[in-house]
Protein backbone atom coordinates (compact mmCIF):
# COMPACT_ATOMS: atom_id res chain seq x y z
CA MET A 1 0.00 0.00 0.00
CA LYS A 2 1.01 3.59 -0.64
CA ALA A 3 0.21 6.63 1.49
CA SER A 4 1.27 10.22 0.92
CA PHE A 5 0.64 13.87 1.66
CA VAL A 6 0.68 15.78 -1.64
CA ALA A 7 0.93 19.58 -1.79
CA LEU A 8 -1.09 21.11 -4.60
CA VAL A 9 0.61 24.35 -5.67
CA GLY A 10 0.31 26.93 -8.43
CA ARG A 11 -0.57 30.50 -9.28
CA PRO A 12 -3.98 31.87 -8.28
CA SER A 13 -6.90 30.58 -10.37
CA THR A 14 -5.03 27.67 -11.95
CA GLY A 15 -7.84 25.28 -11.03
CA LYS A 16 -6.36 23.75 -7.88
CA SER A 17 -9.68 23.71 -6.02
CA THR A 18 -11.47 22.29 -9.05
CA PHE A 19 -8.84 19.56 -9.30
CA ILE A 20 -9.07 18.54 -5.65
CA ASN A 21 -12.87 18.35 -5.88
CA GLN A 22 -12.64 16.31 -9.07
CA VAL A 23 -10.02 13.81 -7.90
CA CYS A 24 -11.74 13.23 -4.56
CA GLY A 25 -15.21 13.03 -6.08
CA GLU A 26 -16.70 15.41 -3.49
CA LYS A 27 -16.89 19.15 -2.75
CA ILE A 28 -13.74 19.75 -0.68
CA SER A 29 -12.49 23.21 -1.61
CA ILE A 30 -14.59 26.24 -2.51
CA VAL A 31 -14.39 27.46 -6.09
CA SER A 32 -14.54 31.03 -7.36
CA SER A 33 -13.32 33.04 -10.32
CA HIS A 34 -11.69 35.42 -7.86
CA PRO A 35 -7.94 34.84 -7.34
CA GLN A 36 -6.66 33.47 -4.03
CA THR A 37 -10.02 32.28 -2.75
CA THR A 38 -8.25 29.45 -0.90
CA ARG A 39 -6.79 30.72 2.38
CA ASN A 40 -6.15 27.49 4.26
CA ARG A 41 -4.51 24.13 3.77
CA VAL A 42 -7.60 22.27 2.64
CA ARG A 43 -7.18 18.48 2.67
CA GLY A 44 -8.93 16.19 0.21
CA ILE A 45 -8.47 12.43 0.47
CA TYR A 46 -8.21 10.16 -2.58
CA ASN A 47 -8.59 6.43 -1.96
CA SER A 48 -7.92 3.53 -4.30
CA LYS A 49 -6.92 -0.13 -3.94
CA GLU A 50 -3.28 0.91 -4.46
CA GLY A 51 -3.25 3.41 -1.61
CA GLN A 52 -4.29 6.79 -0.26
CA LEU A 53 -3.29 10.32 -1.31
CA VAL A 54 -4.03 13.28 0.94
CA PHE A 55 -4.03 16.35 -1.30
CA VAL A 56 -3.30 19.63 0.48
CA ASP A 57 -4.80 22.52 -1.48
CA THR A 58 -2.70 25.64 -0.86
CA PRO A 59 -3.32 29.35 -1.56
CA GLY A 60 -2.28 30.56 -5.00
CA PHE A 61 1.33 31.72 -5.14
CA TYR A 62 1.41 35.49 -5.66
CA GLN A 63 4.24 37.87 -4.90
CA SER A 64 3.10 40.88 -2.90
CA GLU A 65 4.38 42.79 0.11
CA ARG A 66 0.91 43.19 1.53
CA ARG A 67 0.54 41.52 4.91
CA PHE A 68 -2.43 39.42 3.79
CA HIS A 69 -0.52 37.98 0.81
CA ARG A 70 2.63 37.40 2.86
CA HIS A 71 0.63 35.17 5.20
CA LEU A 72 -0.73 33.19 2.24
CA THR A 73 2.76 32.72 0.80
CA GLY A 74 4.10 31.73 4.22
CA LEU A 75 1.41 29.07 4.45
CA LEU A 76 2.51 27.62 1.10
CA LEU A 77 6.17 27.53 2.10
CA SER A 78 5.43 25.83 5.42
CA THR A 79 3.28 23.24 3.63
CA LEU A 80 6.20 22.21 1.42
CA LYS A 81 8.11 21.22 4.55
CA ASP A 82 5.34 18.87 5.70
CA VAL A 83 4.48 16.87 2.56
CA ASP A 84 5.93 13.85 0.75
CA GLN A 85 5.16 14.96 -2.82
CA VAL A 86 4.26 18.08 -4.78
CA LEU A 87 1.82 18.44 -7.67
CA TYR A 88 2.44 21.71 -9.50
CA LEU A 89 -0.61 22.78 -11.49
CA LEU A 90 -0.29 25.26 -14.38
CA ASP A 91 -3.07 27.01 -16.28
CA VAL A 92 -2.24 26.81 -19.99
CA SER A 93 -5.14 29.11 -20.94
CA ARG A 94 -3.00 32.15 -19.96
CA ARG A 95 0.62 33.06 -20.59
CA PRO A 96 3.29 32.04 -18.06
CA GLY A 97 3.89 34.75 -15.47
CA GLU A 98 6.77 35.76 -13.27
CA GLU A 99 5.23 33.68 -10.46
CA GLU A 100 5.87 30.58 -12.59
CA ARG A 101 9.59 31.27 -12.76
CA GLU A 102 9.76 31.93 -9.02
CA LEU A 103 7.75 28.81 -8.22
CA LEU A 104 9.96 26.66 -10.44
CA GLU A 105 13.03 27.99 -8.63
CA LEU A 106 11.38 27.27 -5.31
CA LEU A 107 10.29 23.77 -6.27
CA SER A 108 13.69 22.86 -7.69
CA ALA A 109 14.88 22.66 -4.07
CA PHE A 110 12.08 20.26 -3.04
CA LYS A 111 13.63 16.90 -2.12
CA GLY A 112 10.64 14.64 -2.76
CA PRO A 113 8.88 13.63 -5.99
CA LEU A 114 7.62 16.57 -8.06
CA ILE A 115 4.95 16.15 -10.73
CA ILE A 116 3.71 18.87 -13.09
CA ALA A 117 0.24 19.00 -14.62
CA LEU A 118 -0.81 21.34 -17.43
CA ASN A 119 -4.44 22.16 -16.66
CA LYS A 120 -7.24 23.45 -18.95
CA ILE A 121 -5.63 21.62 -21.85
CA ASP A 122 -9.11 21.28 -23.41
CA ILE A 123 -9.16 25.03 -24.17
CA LYS A 124 -8.18 25.30 -27.82
CA LYS A 125 -6.30 28.60 -27.59
CA ASN A 126 -3.58 27.81 -25.07
CA TYR A 127 0.09 28.38 -24.24
CA ARG A 128 1.09 24.75 -23.78
CA HIS A 129 4.35 25.10 -25.74
CA ASP A 130 5.39 28.19 -23.75
CA TYR A 131 4.98 26.24 -20.52
CA LEU A 132 6.86 23.21 -21.81
CA GLU A 133 9.74 25.44 -22.88
CA LEU A 134 9.82 27.19 -19.50
CA ILE A 135 9.68 23.93 -17.54
CA MET A 136 12.42 22.26 -19.58
CA ASP A 137 14.62 25.30 -19.07
CA LYS A 138 14.20 25.24 -15.28
CA LEU A 139 13.73 21.56 -14.41
CA LYS A 140 15.00 18.32 -15.86
CA GLN A 141 13.36 14.89 -15.82
CA VAL A 142 10.14 16.01 -14.14
CA PRO A 143 7.04 14.14 -15.38
CA ILE A 144 4.54 16.43 -17.13
CA HIS A 145 0.87 15.49 -17.56
CA GLU A 146 -1.97 17.16 -19.41
CA ILE A 147 -5.39 17.34 -17.75
CA SER A 148 -8.69 19.16 -17.57
CA ALA A 149 -9.70 19.42 -13.92
CA LEU A 150 -13.10 20.74 -14.97
CA THR A 151 -14.05 17.80 -17.21
CA GLY A 152 -11.97 15.20 -15.35
CA SER A 153 -9.91 14.29 -18.41
CA GLY A 154 -6.57 12.81 -17.31
CA VAL A 155 -7.27 13.30 -13.60
CA GLU A 156 -7.60 9.63 -12.65
CA SER A 157 -4.48 8.63 -14.58
CA LEU A 158 -2.58 11.48 -12.94
CA ALA A 159 -3.60 10.21 -9.49
CA ALA A 160 -2.35 6.75 -10.46
CA VAL A 161 1.05 8.21 -11.46
CA ILE A 162 1.31 10.11 -8.17
CA LEU A 163 0.63 6.87 -6.30
CA LEU A 164 3.50 5.16 -8.16
CA THR A 165 6.02 7.59 -6.66
CA ALA A 166 4.35 7.75 -3.22
CA PRO A 167 6.09 6.16 -0.24
CA ASN A 168 4.88 2.85 1.13
CA GLY A 169 2.63 3.13 4.15
CA GLU A 170 -0.72 2.45 5.77
CA PRO A 171 -3.69 4.76 5.09
CA LEU A 172 -3.45 8.06 6.93
CA TYR A 173 -7.24 8.36 7.32
CA PRO A 174 -10.15 5.88 7.36
CA LEU A 175 -10.97 4.73 3.82
CA ASP A 176 -14.46 6.27 3.88
CA TYR A 177 -13.07 9.77 4.52
CA TYR A 178 -12.76 12.29 1.69
CA THR A 179 -11.72 15.24 3.88
CA ASP A 180 -10.69 15.96 7.46
CA GLN A 181 -12.47 19.32 7.70
CA ASP A 182 -14.69 19.84 10.72
CA PRO A 183 -18.30 21.07 10.31
CA ALA A 184 -17.53 24.65 11.41
CA PHE A 185 -14.81 25.03 8.78
CA ARG A 186 -16.94 23.54 6.01
CA ILE A 187 -19.89 25.75 6.88
CA SER A 188 -17.77 28.90 6.99
CA GLU A 189 -16.11 28.07 3.65
CA VAL A 190 -19.40 27.38 1.85
CA VAL A 191 -20.91 30.62 3.16
CA ARG A 192 -17.76 32.50 2.11
CA GLU A 193 -17.90 30.99 -1.37
CA LYS A 194 -21.51 32.09 -1.87
CA ALA A 195 -20.79 35.58 -0.51
CA ILE A 196 -17.75 35.99 -2.77
CA ASN A 197 -19.52 34.76 -5.89
CA LEU A 198 -22.72 36.73 -5.32
CA THR A 199 -20.92 40.01 -4.64
CA ARG A 200 -18.88 39.46 -7.82
CA GLN A 201 -15.95 41.91 -8.16
CA GLU A 202 -16.98 44.24 -5.35
CA ILE A 203 -15.52 42.81 -2.13
CA PRO A 204 -13.96 39.33 -2.58
CA HIS A 205 -10.93 39.77 -0.30
CA GLN A 206 -12.59 42.25 2.03
CA LEU A 207 -14.67 39.62 3.79
CA TYR A 208 -14.19 36.63 6.02
CA VAL A 209 -16.69 34.33 7.72
CA GLU A 210 -16.86 33.56 11.40
CA VAL A 211 -18.88 30.73 12.95
CA ALA A 212 -19.97 32.21 16.27
CA ASP A 213 -22.05 29.34 17.59
CA MET A 214 -23.34 25.87 16.62
CA GLU A 215 -25.92 23.62 18.26
CA MET A 216 -27.45 20.24 17.40
CA HIS A 217 -31.24 20.15 17.66
CA ASN A 218 -34.03 17.60 17.26
CA GLN A 219 -32.04 14.64 18.56
CA GLY A 220 -29.10 15.19 16.23
CA THR A 221 -31.11 15.62 13.03
CA GLN A 222 -30.57 19.37 12.67
CA LEU A 223 -27.48 21.57 13.03
CA TRP A 224 -28.08 25.25 13.76
CA ALA A 225 -25.24 27.74 13.23
CA ARG A 226 -24.91 31.47 13.83
CA ILE A 227 -22.63 32.96 11.17
CA PHE A 228 -21.07 36.41 10.79
CA ILE A 229 -19.88 37.66 7.41
CA CYS A 230 -17.28 40.25 8.37
CA VAL A 231 -16.35 43.17 6.09
CA GLU A 232 -14.11 46.20 6.50
CA ARG A 233 -16.51 49.08 5.80
CA ASP A 234 -20.17 50.02 6.27
CA SER A 235 -20.57 50.43 2.50
CA GLN A 236 -19.48 46.79 2.05
CA LYS A 237 -22.03 45.69 4.63
CA GLY A 238 -24.72 47.26 2.48
CA ILE A 239 -23.46 45.37 -0.58
CA VAL A 240 -23.54 42.01 1.19
CA VAL A 241 -27.00 42.61 2.68
CA GLY A 242 -28.35 43.89 -0.65
CA LYS A 243 -31.49 45.84 -1.42
CA LYS A 244 -34.14 44.94 1.17
CA GLY A 245 -31.91 42.07 2.31
CA GLU A 246 -32.21 40.20 -1.00
CA LEU A 247 -28.51 39.32 -1.36
CA ILE A 248 -28.01 37.99 2.15
CA ARG A 249 -31.11 35.82 1.68
CA ASP A 250 -29.61 34.45 -1.56
CA ILE A 251 -26.36 33.68 0.26
CA VAL A 252 -28.23 31.80 2.99
CA ARG A 253 -30.42 29.94 0.50
CA GLN A 254 -27.52 28.79 -1.70
CA ALA A 255 -25.29 27.89 1.26
CA THR A 256 -28.06 25.97 3.01
CA THR A 257 -28.89 23.99 -0.13
CA GLU A 258 -25.27 22.94 -0.59
CA LEU A 259 -24.64 22.16 3.07
CA ASN A 260 -27.73 19.98 3.23
CA SER A 261 -26.23 17.92 0.41
CA LEU A 262 -22.89 17.62 2.23
CA PHE A 263 -24.05 16.69 5.73
CA PRO A 264 -26.18 13.73 6.89
CA TYR A 265 -28.42 16.14 8.83
CA GLN A 266 -30.35 19.31 8.11
CA VAL A 267 -28.46 22.61 8.42
CA LYS A 268 -30.10 25.88 9.43
CA LEU A 269 -28.13 29.12 9.21
CA ASP A 270 -28.55 32.42 11.03
CA VAL A 271 -26.29 34.69 8.94
CA ARG A 272 -25.55 38.31 9.83
CA VAL A 273 -23.10 40.91 8.53
CA LYS A 274 -20.82 42.96 10.74
CA VAL A 275 -18.08 45.51 10.14
CA ARG A 276 -14.56 44.85 11.37
CA PRO A 277 -12.33 47.73 10.17
CA LYS A 278 -8.83 46.92 8.86
CA TRP A 279 -9.12 43.22 9.69
CA ARG A 280 -6.52 42.33 7.05
CA LYS A 281 -3.90 44.16 9.13
CA ASP A 282 -4.71 42.24 12.31
CA GLU A 283 -1.81 39.77 12.69
CA HIS A 284 -3.58 37.69 15.34
CA LEU A 285 -6.70 37.31 13.19
CA LEU A 286 -4.70 36.52 10.02
CA LYS A 287 -2.84 33.72 11.79
CA LYS A 288 -6.20 32.31 12.85
CA LEU A 289 -7.79 32.58 9.41
CA ILE A 290 -4.79 31.50 7.31
CA SER A 291 -3.67 28.15 8.65
């Protein structure tokens, strides 16, 4: 049997969250068109008769001196110290960026098996050759695979290749697990996803979600949770609430529908919006949120 922790790395919006959901066959990581939606090391568990892979979805690698982005990059770097393998995902639908060159330099020092996957290969207009040229210039003898995380093309065969280079070992989690996230984290992430996607371009990084309280009701058949969507300014609070409260009701409705499909019990949400000025400069809070 094989067992391995696999870091999933790449630039923002390369499809890492889509990949982890596809390979594990369940909703593990939230998905949005907004860059750097992932803020935590989200674990998705892939099981097969050959072994178990624990994929660790990391924030998109993006060079910035802003405190918020430094914490995200620090989380990625610390993850590389804790895993057995690395899967580097590249988005061939856009040109290689400077982050690619920096990531390749960083990954060249990784001591374990490194595998590269060119994602979105199904998009006809792509920069596949540019990426191959860049990779061959920076790294030698690294296996390169072509996949579409969205359609699933090549994903299963890629997982099989990763298992071949994984160390021998017993499963790290029970075989019926597909994630190790606790209910509070999953609830907060689903609510955050809906809030980000429904507010579109207006406030994606200016909000975070806090689970204030949870209780089981009706003999364990219903989970009630009080949720706060936290923003930086009063004007952003108005955007999230929406005209006559329409947007916040949409967030609750969409989040509740998805959570009821994820959990074996009914979920009821009490969602409110509060203002927390300059939260992205609060070091204590950032360490709590980005972990």
